[in-house]
Amino acid sequence: MVKTFKHEKTVFDVFQERGFIEKVTDEGKVPEILEGKVSCYIGFDPTASSFHVGNLVPIMSLAHMQRHGHQPIALVGGGTGLVGDPSGKDEMRQILTYEEINKNAETQKRQFSRFLDFSESRALLLNNADWLTKLNYIDFLRDIGVHFSVNRMLATESVKIRLETGLSFIEFNYQLLQAYDFWYLFEHHNCIIQMGGSDQWGNIVAGIDLIRRLEGKQAYGITFPLIMTADGRKMGKTERGAVWLDPERTSPYEYFQFWINTDDRDVERFLALFTFLPMEEVEEYGKFNGADIRRSKERLAFEATRIVHGEEEAIKAKEASQALFSGDDKDEASIPTTYMDKEKFIQGIPIFKLFEEAGLCGSSSEARRLIEQGGGYFNKKRIDKFDVVITLDDLGDKGEASLRAGKKKYRRIKLKTP
């Protein structure tokens, strides 16, 4: 169960010092109303079967709201997901079926429970399909559409960008639906703040305007910055794709490794954003440099993994990481393993193909370059040639071997058992 603690600081203070805030709709009023207790929401479109690291800032913000006594609403976009949000996209999202949306929504609900306590209405988990799919189109146009100016919608940054590549009519409707969500939650759950990524600013402002027009009352918005790594990449994106919160898609060990491989320049910032450690402790870890900064990275990796996968998995991932880092032969079950058919090794498989199939490299050409540059290791020995053929004899009596790409990416190869 997630506990609620009393703090002298307001959640707005916490957001500011931890780097969560990009913009607020009323810089004077929002900090003031957050001194009391409010209800807020963030919408999440269930376009994938799992959240990924790129979703963590909004999820963590809801957790901070709850820890300061507010009521967060996690809104699963079962309805809006059927339309697709054009914000931040240069092409139309793939339209999923009702079955796919519902399946993804159920998975996301389980992941939310790692961050929020839904008991006794401390937090709410809602699905906008419950009201959006029941709307009558003509009534919606007359009651809601009448309040929207096409000129203003066209001026929205997310719409302007998409007009250059093509914007479908179904996507153009998205802003009306999200604004309706805000009004619905305002009306039925007394929700007065919507939060979201920086690309949601136009949609949030549209919802605030709709509430003012329909109810004559004021609502507010907060947006978060797009988190970029120090080397200019979008947070959560790697050579192998997204880093998922689902352990079936990204194992706890791989998740731990993602965080421990954080760029030195990002460690303090990520400790503030992606853990609940007190800022005093975060700042202390931020003072480490040189070889000592690995301690900061280990704490970041452990805390981030513990939040998503639990204490036990975080400890296992940490022990496996330390064993590999120290060169220990300890066989940890949590080390990521690729199981392969015996026939491949009877025939013999080139080492560069082995790196590709194990997922350490995204392509054969990438694997060749890695090995040619001296970054490929087989059973802890550097590989001299990219076309060396690996056979059953190389796997030994246990039928397994270790691969390493660079200094930090490991994979174990094991034969499939009959």
Protein backbone atom coordinates (compact mmCIF):
# COMPACT_ATOMS: atom_id res chain seq x y z
CA MET A 1 0.00 0.00 0.00
CA VAL A 2 1.23 3.48 -0.87
CA LYS A 3 1.37 5.68 2.21
CA THR A 4 0.48 9.35 2.34
CA PHE A 5 2.97 11.50 4.23
CA LYS A 6 2.71 15.03 5.56
CA HIS A 7 5.23 17.53 4.26
CA GLU A 8 5.79 21.21 4.79
CA LYS A 9 6.42 21.58 1.08
CA THR A 10 3.46 21.55 -1.26
CA VAL A 11 3.41 19.21 -4.22
CA PHE A 12 3.97 22.26 -6.44
CA ASP A 13 7.23 22.93 -4.58
CA VAL A 14 8.23 19.31 -5.12
CA PHE A 15 7.39 19.50 -8.83
CA GLN A 16 9.51 22.61 -9.21
CA GLU A 17 12.58 21.38 -7.38
CA ARG A 18 12.49 17.97 -9.09
CA GLY A 19 12.14 19.38 -12.61
CA PHE A 20 8.58 18.32 -13.46
CA ILE A 21 7.09 21.62 -14.58
CA GLU A 22 7.19 23.03 -18.10
CA LYS A 23 4.17 25.37 -18.00
CA VAL A 24 1.14 26.13 -15.82
CA THR A 25 -2.01 27.93 -16.92
CA ASP A 26 -2.07 30.27 -13.92
CA GLU A 27 1.29 30.67 -12.18
CA GLY A 28 -0.27 32.61 -9.33
CA LYS A 29 -3.32 30.45 -8.65
CA VAL A 30 -2.08 26.89 -9.23
CA PRO A 31 0.50 26.92 -6.37
CA GLU A 32 -2.17 28.40 -4.10
CA ILE A 33 -4.86 25.78 -4.78
CA LEU A 34 -2.30 22.99 -4.34
CA GLU A 35 -1.89 24.09 -0.73
CA GLY A 36 -5.32 22.52 -0.21
CA LYS A 37 -6.61 19.15 -1.40
CA VAL A 38 -7.67 18.77 -5.01
CA SER A 39 -8.44 16.14 -7.61
CA CYS A 40 -6.30 16.02 -10.77
CA TYR A 41 -6.02 13.76 -13.79
CA ILE A 42 -3.77 12.59 -16.58
CA GLY A 43 -4.98 10.62 -19.59
CA PHE A 44 -3.10 7.62 -20.96
CA ASP A 45 -4.01 6.18 -24.35
CA PRO A 46 -3.76 2.36 -24.26
CA THR A 47 -1.99 2.08 -27.61
CA ALA A 48 0.49 -0.50 -26.25
CA SER A 49 0.23 -3.48 -23.92
CA SER A 50 2.62 -1.83 -21.46
CA PHE A 51 3.85 1.55 -20.35
CA HIS A 52 7.48 2.38 -21.08
CA VAL A 53 10.08 4.60 -19.44
CA GLY A 54 8.84 7.55 -21.50
CA ASN A 55 5.53 7.38 -19.57
CA LEU A 56 7.18 7.62 -16.15
CA VAL A 57 7.15 11.41 -15.68
CA PRO A 58 3.33 11.68 -15.74
CA ILE A 59 2.91 8.50 -13.69
CA MET A 60 5.41 9.71 -11.08
CA SER A 61 3.62 13.08 -10.95
CA LEU A 62 0.37 11.34 -9.99
CA ALA A 63 2.23 9.43 -7.28
CA HIS A 64 3.64 12.69 -5.88
CA MET A 65 0.14 14.21 -5.90
CA GLN A 66 -1.17 11.29 -3.85
CA ARG A 67 1.75 11.43 -1.41
CA HIS A 68 0.75 15.02 -0.68
CA GLY A 69 -2.86 14.16 0.05
CA HIS A 70 -4.43 14.93 -3.31
CA GLN A 71 -6.68 12.55 -5.26
CA PRO A 72 -5.10 11.55 -8.58
CA ILE A 73 -7.18 10.15 -11.42
CA ALA A 74 -5.45 7.87 -13.89
CA LEU A 75 -7.63 7.99 -16.98
CA VAL A 76 -7.24 5.09 -19.37
CA GLY A 77 -8.17 6.30 -22.84
CA GLY A 78 -10.28 3.37 -23.94
CA GLY A 79 -12.45 5.82 -25.90
CA THR A 80 -9.88 8.34 -27.16
CA GLY A 81 -7.56 5.47 -28.00
CA LEU A 82 -10.08 4.45 -30.67
CA VAL A 83 -9.46 7.83 -32.32
CA GLY A 84 -5.74 8.41 -31.77
CA ASP A 85 -4.06 11.54 -30.43
CA PRO A 86 -2.19 13.41 -33.21
CA SER A 87 -0.10 15.35 -30.67
CA GLY A 88 3.62 14.79 -31.02
CA LYS A 89 3.19 12.53 -34.06
CA ASP A 90 4.16 13.19 -37.66
CA GLU A 91 1.82 10.54 -39.00
CA MET A 92 -1.51 8.99 -38.07
CA ARG A 93 -1.43 6.43 -35.28
CA GLN A 94 -2.54 2.92 -36.11
CA ILE A 95 -6.21 2.56 -35.18
CA LEU A 96 -6.61 -0.40 -32.85
CA THR A 97 -9.64 -2.64 -32.41
CA TYR A 98 -11.90 -2.52 -29.34
CA GLU A 99 -10.43 -5.86 -28.24
CA GLU A 100 -6.82 -4.60 -28.49
CA ILE A 101 -7.67 -1.39 -26.62
CA ASN A 102 -9.42 -3.26 -23.80
CA LYS A 103 -6.59 -5.78 -23.45
CA ASN A 104 -3.97 -3.02 -23.28
CA ALA A 105 -6.06 -1.08 -20.76
CA GLU A 106 -6.21 -4.06 -18.41
CA THR A 107 -2.42 -4.45 -18.48
CA GLN A 108 -1.91 -0.74 -17.79
CA LYS A 109 -4.24 -0.91 -14.79
CA ARG A 110 -1.95 -3.47 -13.14
CA GLN A 111 1.09 -1.28 -13.76
CA PHE A 112 -0.58 1.78 -12.22
CA SER A 113 -0.98 -0.13 -8.95
CA ARG A 114 2.82 -0.09 -8.54
CA PHE A 115 2.67 3.68 -8.13
CA LEU A 116 -0.78 4.48 -6.73
CA ASP A 117 -3.00 3.26 -3.90
CA PHE A 118 -6.53 2.86 -5.28
CA SER A 119 -8.09 1.73 -1.97
CA GLU A 120 -10.85 3.84 -0.42
CA SER A 121 -10.84 6.23 -3.41
CA ARG A 122 -7.36 7.53 -2.57
CA ALA A 123 -6.86 7.39 -6.31
CA LEU A 124 -9.28 6.63 -9.13
CA LEU A 125 -8.72 4.51 -12.20
CA LEU A 126 -11.26 5.38 -14.88
CA ASN A 127 -11.77 4.55 -18.55
CA ASN A 128 -13.19 7.24 -20.81
CA ALA A 129 -14.79 4.57 -22.99
CA ASP A 130 -17.45 4.45 -20.25
CA TRP A 131 -18.80 7.83 -21.39
CA LEU A 132 -17.31 8.61 -24.80
CA THR A 133 -18.63 5.48 -26.53
CA LYS A 134 -22.17 6.39 -25.39
CA LEU A 135 -22.20 9.86 -26.94
CA ASN A 136 -24.76 10.74 -29.60
CA TYR A 137 -22.86 12.41 -32.43
CA ILE A 138 -25.49 15.03 -33.28
CA ASP A 139 -26.02 15.95 -29.63
CA PHE A 140 -22.26 16.12 -29.13
CA LEU A 141 -21.85 18.53 -32.04
CA ARG A 142 -24.71 20.75 -30.81
CA ASP A 143 -23.72 20.74 -27.12
CA ILE A 144 -19.92 20.60 -27.31
CA GLY A 145 -18.76 21.29 -30.86
CA VAL A 146 -20.49 24.65 -30.90
CA HIS A 147 -17.96 25.94 -28.34
CA PHE A 148 -14.90 25.21 -30.50
CA SER A 149 -13.39 27.56 -33.04
CA VAL A 150 -11.84 25.82 -36.03
CA ASN A 151 -9.47 28.77 -36.40
CA ARG A 152 -8.16 28.24 -32.87
CA MET A 153 -7.87 24.50 -33.36
CA LEU A 154 -5.86 25.02 -36.55
CA ALA A 155 -3.53 27.34 -34.63
CA THR A 156 -2.71 24.59 -32.11
CA GLU A 157 0.92 23.56 -32.51
CA SER A 158 0.19 19.82 -32.68
CA VAL A 159 -2.38 20.41 -35.43
CA LYS A 160 -0.18 22.83 -37.39
CA ILE A 161 2.65 20.30 -37.52
CA ARG A 162 0.36 17.57 -38.77
CA LEU A 163 -1.25 19.76 -41.44
CA GLU A 164 2.06 19.61 -43.31
CA THR A 165 1.98 15.80 -43.51
CA GLY A 166 -1.77 15.24 -43.43
CA LEU A 167 -4.33 15.22 -40.62
CA SER A 168 -7.38 12.98 -40.79
CA PHE A 169 -10.81 14.21 -39.73
CA ILE A 170 -11.00 11.57 -37.00
CA GLU A 171 -7.78 12.94 -35.45
CA PHE A 172 -9.02 16.52 -35.76
CA ASN A 173 -11.87 15.52 -33.42
CA TYR A 174 -9.44 14.38 -30.73
CA GLN A 175 -9.18 17.78 -29.03
CA LEU A 176 -12.95 17.92 -28.58
CA LEU A 177 -12.99 14.50 -26.95
CA GLN A 178 -10.14 15.30 -24.55
CA ALA A 179 -11.77 18.60 -23.63
CA TYR A 180 -14.99 16.68 -22.99
CA ASP A 181 -13.07 14.29 -20.71
CA PHE A 182 -11.87 17.21 -18.59
CA TRP A 183 -15.38 18.64 -18.36
CA TYR A 184 -16.81 15.19 -17.49
CA LEU A 185 -14.26 14.66 -14.69
CA PHE A 186 -14.81 18.22 -13.45
CA GLU A 187 -18.56 17.62 -13.34
CA HIS A 188 -18.57 14.10 -11.86
CA HIS A 189 -15.37 13.97 -9.78
CA ASN A 190 -14.66 17.61 -8.95
CA CYS A 191 -11.40 17.38 -10.92
CA ILE A 192 -9.94 20.86 -11.42
CA ILE A 193 -6.42 20.15 -12.74
CA GLN A 194 -5.33 18.30 -15.85
CA MET A 195 -1.66 17.44 -16.26
CA GLY A 196 0.27 16.03 -19.19
CA GLY A 197 3.27 16.27 -21.49
CA SER A 198 4.22 19.53 -23.17
CA ASP A 199 2.52 18.39 -26.39
CA GLN A 200 -0.82 18.36 -24.51
CA TRP A 201 -0.89 22.10 -23.80
CA GLY A 202 -3.41 22.89 -26.53
CA ASN A 203 -5.72 20.05 -25.51
CA ILE A 204 -5.57 21.04 -21.83
CA VAL A 205 -6.33 24.70 -22.56
CA ALA A 206 -9.27 23.59 -24.74
CA GLY A 207 -10.69 21.62 -21.80
CA ILE A 208 -10.29 24.56 -19.43
CA ASP A 209 -12.10 26.79 -21.93
CA LEU A 210 -14.95 24.27 -22.31
CA ILE A 211 -15.44 24.08 -18.53
CA ARG A 212 -15.55 27.87 -18.36
CA ARG A 213 -18.13 28.04 -21.16
CA LEU A 214 -20.35 25.23 -19.84
CA GLU A 215 -20.05 25.79 -16.09
CA GLY A 216 -18.76 29.33 -15.69
CA LYS A 217 -16.00 27.97 -13.44
CA GLN A 218 -12.20 27.83 -13.52
CA ALA A 219 -9.97 24.80 -14.05
CA TYR A 220 -6.20 24.59 -14.42
CA GLY A 221 -3.41 22.83 -16.27
CA ILE A 222 0.20 21.76 -15.73
CA THR A 223 2.49 20.37 -18.42
CA PHE A 224 5.77 18.50 -18.09
CA PRO A 225 8.86 18.92 -20.28
CA LEU A 226 9.88 16.36 -22.85
CA ILE A 227 12.76 14.58 -21.11
CA MET A 228 15.85 14.32 -23.29
CA THR A 229 19.10 12.60 -22.32
CA ALA A 230 22.34 14.57 -22.19
CA ASP A 231 23.36 13.14 -25.57
CA GLY A 232 20.18 14.42 -27.20
CA ARG A 233 18.05 11.26 -27.31
CA LYS A 234 14.42 11.04 -26.25
CA MET A 235 14.19 9.51 -22.77
CA GLY A 236 13.46 5.78 -22.80
CA LYS A 237 14.57 5.16 -26.37
CA THR A 238 17.52 2.83 -26.97
CA GLU A 239 19.10 1.14 -29.96
CA ARG A 240 16.80 -1.82 -29.32
CA GLY A 241 13.65 0.28 -28.93
CA ALA A 242 11.54 1.26 -25.93
CA VAL A 243 12.33 0.19 -22.35
CA TRP A 244 9.07 -1.33 -21.08
CA LEU A 245 7.67 -1.61 -17.55
CA ASP A 246 6.30 -5.07 -18.37
CA PRO A 247 8.85 -7.67 -17.16
CA GLU A 248 7.89 -9.92 -20.08
CA ARG A 249 9.06 -7.26 -22.54
CA THR A 250 11.98 -5.79 -20.57
CA SER A 251 13.26 -8.04 -17.80
CA PRO A 252 14.00 -6.54 -14.36
CA TYR A 253 17.71 -7.09 -15.02
CA GLU A 254 17.56 -5.27 -18.37
CA TYR A 255 15.51 -2.53 -16.73
CA PHE A 256 18.19 -2.16 -14.02
CA GLN A 257 20.89 -2.08 -16.69
CA PHE A 258 19.09 0.68 -18.57
CA TRP A 259 19.27 2.94 -15.52
CA ILE A 260 22.79 2.01 -14.46
CA ASN A 261 24.00 2.94 -17.94
CA THR A 262 22.67 6.49 -17.51
CA ASP A 263 24.98 9.22 -18.80
CA ASP A 264 26.96 10.76 -15.91
CA ARG A 265 25.44 14.16 -16.74
CA ASP A 266 21.88 12.85 -16.24
CA VAL A 267 22.21 10.97 -12.96
CA GLU A 268 21.18 13.71 -10.51
CA ARG A 269 18.32 14.88 -12.74
CA PHE A 270 17.00 11.34 -13.15
CA LEU A 271 17.26 10.62 -9.42
CA ALA A 272 15.00 13.66 -8.89
CA LEU A 273 12.49 12.67 -11.56
CA PHE A 274 12.34 8.90 -11.32
CA THR A 275 12.79 8.08 -7.61
CA PHE A 276 11.18 9.21 -4.38
CA LEU A 277 14.49 9.82 -2.62
CA PRO A 278 14.55 13.09 -0.63
CA MET A 279 16.14 15.92 -2.60
CA GLU A 280 18.85 16.30 0.03
CA GLU A 281 19.94 12.73 -0.72
CA VAL A 282 19.62 13.30 -4.48
CA GLU A 283 21.91 16.32 -4.23
CA GLU A 284 24.47 14.32 -2.27
CA TYR A 285 24.54 11.64 -4.97
CA GLY A 286 24.87 14.44 -7.51
CA LYS A 287 28.21 15.44 -5.96
CA PHE A 288 29.86 12.11 -6.82
CA ASN A 289 32.14 12.03 -9.82
CA GLY A 290 34.79 9.87 -11.41
CA ALA A 291 34.66 6.22 -10.35
CA ASP A 292 32.39 7.10 -7.39
CA ILE A 293 29.52 8.04 -9.68
CA ARG A 294 28.76 4.35 -10.13
CA ARG A 295 27.36 4.46 -6.58
CA SER A 296 24.90 7.12 -7.73
CA LYS A 297 23.97 5.09 -10.77
CA GLU A 298 23.47 1.94 -8.71
CA ARG A 299 21.13 3.81 -6.37
CA LEU A 300 19.19 5.23 -9.32
CA ALA A 301 18.93 1.79 -10.94
CA PHE A 302 17.92 0.09 -7.69
CA GLU A 303 15.25 2.64 -6.76
CA ALA A 304 13.79 2.81 -10.27
CA THR A 305 13.67 -0.99 -10.51
CA ARG A 306 12.24 -1.37 -7.00
CA ILE A 307 9.34 0.98 -7.77
CA VAL A 308 8.36 -0.89 -10.94
CA HIS A 309 9.30 -4.51 -10.14
CA GLY A 310 9.46 -4.67 -6.35
CA GLU A 311 12.24 -5.02 -3.78
CA GLU A 312 13.05 -8.67 -4.44
CA GLU A 313 13.54 -8.25 -8.20
CA ALA A 314 15.58 -5.08 -7.64
CA ILE A 315 17.93 -6.93 -5.28
CA LYS A 316 18.33 -9.82 -7.75
CA ALA A 317 19.04 -7.41 -10.60
CA LYS A 318 21.57 -5.50 -8.50
CA GLU A 319 23.39 -8.69 -7.46
CA ALA A 320 23.51 -9.93 -11.07
CA SER A 321 24.83 -6.56 -12.23
CA GLN A 322 27.50 -6.49 -9.54
CA ALA A 323 28.54 -10.07 -10.34
CA LEU A 324 29.04 -9.25 -14.01
CA PHE A 325 30.71 -5.92 -13.30
CA SER A 326 33.22 -7.55 -10.97
CA GLY A 327 33.85 -10.46 -13.33
CA ASP A 328 32.41 -12.97 -10.87
CA ASP A 329 31.36 -16.30 -12.38
CA LYS A 330 28.25 -16.35 -10.20
CA ASP A 331 25.32 -17.60 -12.28
CA GLU A 332 22.37 -15.33 -11.62
CA ALA A 333 18.94 -16.41 -12.87
CA SER A 334 18.08 -12.78 -13.54
CA ILE A 335 20.81 -12.32 -16.17
CA PRO A 336 19.01 -12.05 -19.54
CA THR A 337 19.26 -15.30 -21.45
CA THR A 338 18.60 -16.21 -25.08
CA TYR A 339 17.66 -19.84 -25.67
CA MET A 340 18.70 -21.21 -29.05
CA ASP A 341 18.22 -24.41 -31.03
CA LYS A 342 20.99 -26.99 -30.87
CA GLU A 343 20.88 -27.41 -34.67
CA LYS A 344 22.28 -23.89 -35.20
CA PHE A 345 25.43 -24.81 -33.33
CA ILE A 346 25.73 -28.20 -35.00
CA GLN A 347 25.89 -26.33 -38.32
CA GLY A 348 27.92 -23.53 -36.77
CA ILE A 349 26.86 -19.89 -36.50
CA PRO A 350 29.06 -16.84 -37.24
CA ILE A 351 29.71 -14.84 -34.09
CA PHE A 352 28.28 -11.62 -35.57
CA LYS A 353 24.97 -13.42 -36.26
CA LEU A 354 25.00 -14.70 -32.68
CA PHE A 355 25.25 -11.13 -31.36
CA GLU A 356 22.35 -10.11 -33.57
CA GLU A 357 20.11 -13.04 -32.61
CA ALA A 358 20.90 -12.52 -28.92
CA GLY A 359 19.62 -8.93 -29.20
CA LEU A 360 22.92 -7.29 -28.33
CA CYS A 361 23.03 -5.63 -31.75
CA GLY A 362 20.21 -4.38 -33.90
CA SER A 363 21.60 -5.74 -37.18
CA SER A 364 24.36 -7.88 -38.66
CA SER A 365 26.26 -4.80 -39.85
CA GLU A 366 26.12 -3.29 -36.36
CA ALA A 367 27.45 -6.56 -34.92
CA ARG A 368 30.31 -6.60 -37.43
CA ARG A 369 31.29 -3.05 -36.57
CA LEU A 370 31.19 -3.82 -32.86
CA ILE A 371 33.53 -6.79 -33.24
CA GLU A 372 35.87 -5.05 -35.69
CA GLN A 373 36.23 -2.19 -33.20
CA GLY A 374 37.15 -4.60 -30.39
CA GLY A 375 33.90 -4.38 -28.45
CA GLY A 376 32.69 -7.98 -28.77
CA TYR A 377 33.43 -10.66 -26.17
CA PHE A 378 32.68 -14.38 -26.06
CA ASN A 379 33.11 -16.10 -22.69
CA LYS A 380 35.01 -13.01 -21.47
CA LYS A 381 37.54 -13.15 -24.31
CA ARG A 382 37.70 -10.45 -26.95
CA ILE A 383 36.71 -11.61 -30.43
CA ASP A 384 39.28 -10.85 -33.13
CA LYS A 385 37.22 -11.62 -36.24
CA PHE A 386 33.54 -11.04 -36.90
CA ASP A 387 33.16 -14.25 -38.96
CA VAL A 388 34.45 -16.68 -36.33
CA VAL A 389 32.06 -19.68 -36.30
CA ILE A 390 30.68 -20.84 -32.96
CA THR A 391 29.87 -24.54 -32.61
CA LEU A 392 28.60 -26.90 -29.91
CA ASP A 393 32.13 -27.41 -28.61
CA ASP A 394 32.33 -23.72 -27.75
CA LEU A 395 29.30 -24.03 -25.45
CA GLY A 396 30.98 -26.58 -23.22
CA ASP A 397 29.35 -29.28 -21.10
CA LYS A 398 26.68 -26.91 -19.78
CA GLY A 399 25.57 -25.90 -23.26
CA GLU A 400 25.88 -22.19 -22.59
CA ALA A 401 28.14 -19.21 -23.13
CA SER A 402 28.33 -15.51 -22.29
CA LEU A 403 28.36 -12.60 -24.74
CA ARG A 404 29.30 -9.02 -24.03
CA ALA A 405 28.91 -5.92 -26.17
CA GLY A 406 31.12 -3.08 -24.99
CA LYS A 407 31.59 -2.67 -21.26
CA LYS A 408 28.03 -3.01 -20.00
CA LYS A 409 25.73 -5.10 -22.22
CA TYR A 410 25.63 -8.79 -21.37
CA ARG A 411 23.69 -11.79 -22.62
CA ARG A 412 23.84 -15.47 -21.83
CA ILE A 413 23.29 -18.05 -24.57
CA LYS A 414 21.81 -21.44 -23.63
CA LEU A 415 20.69 -24.41 -25.65
CA LYS A 416 16.98 -25.11 -25.64
CA THR A 417 16.12 -28.23 -23.70
CA PRO A 418 14.18 -30.90 -25.63
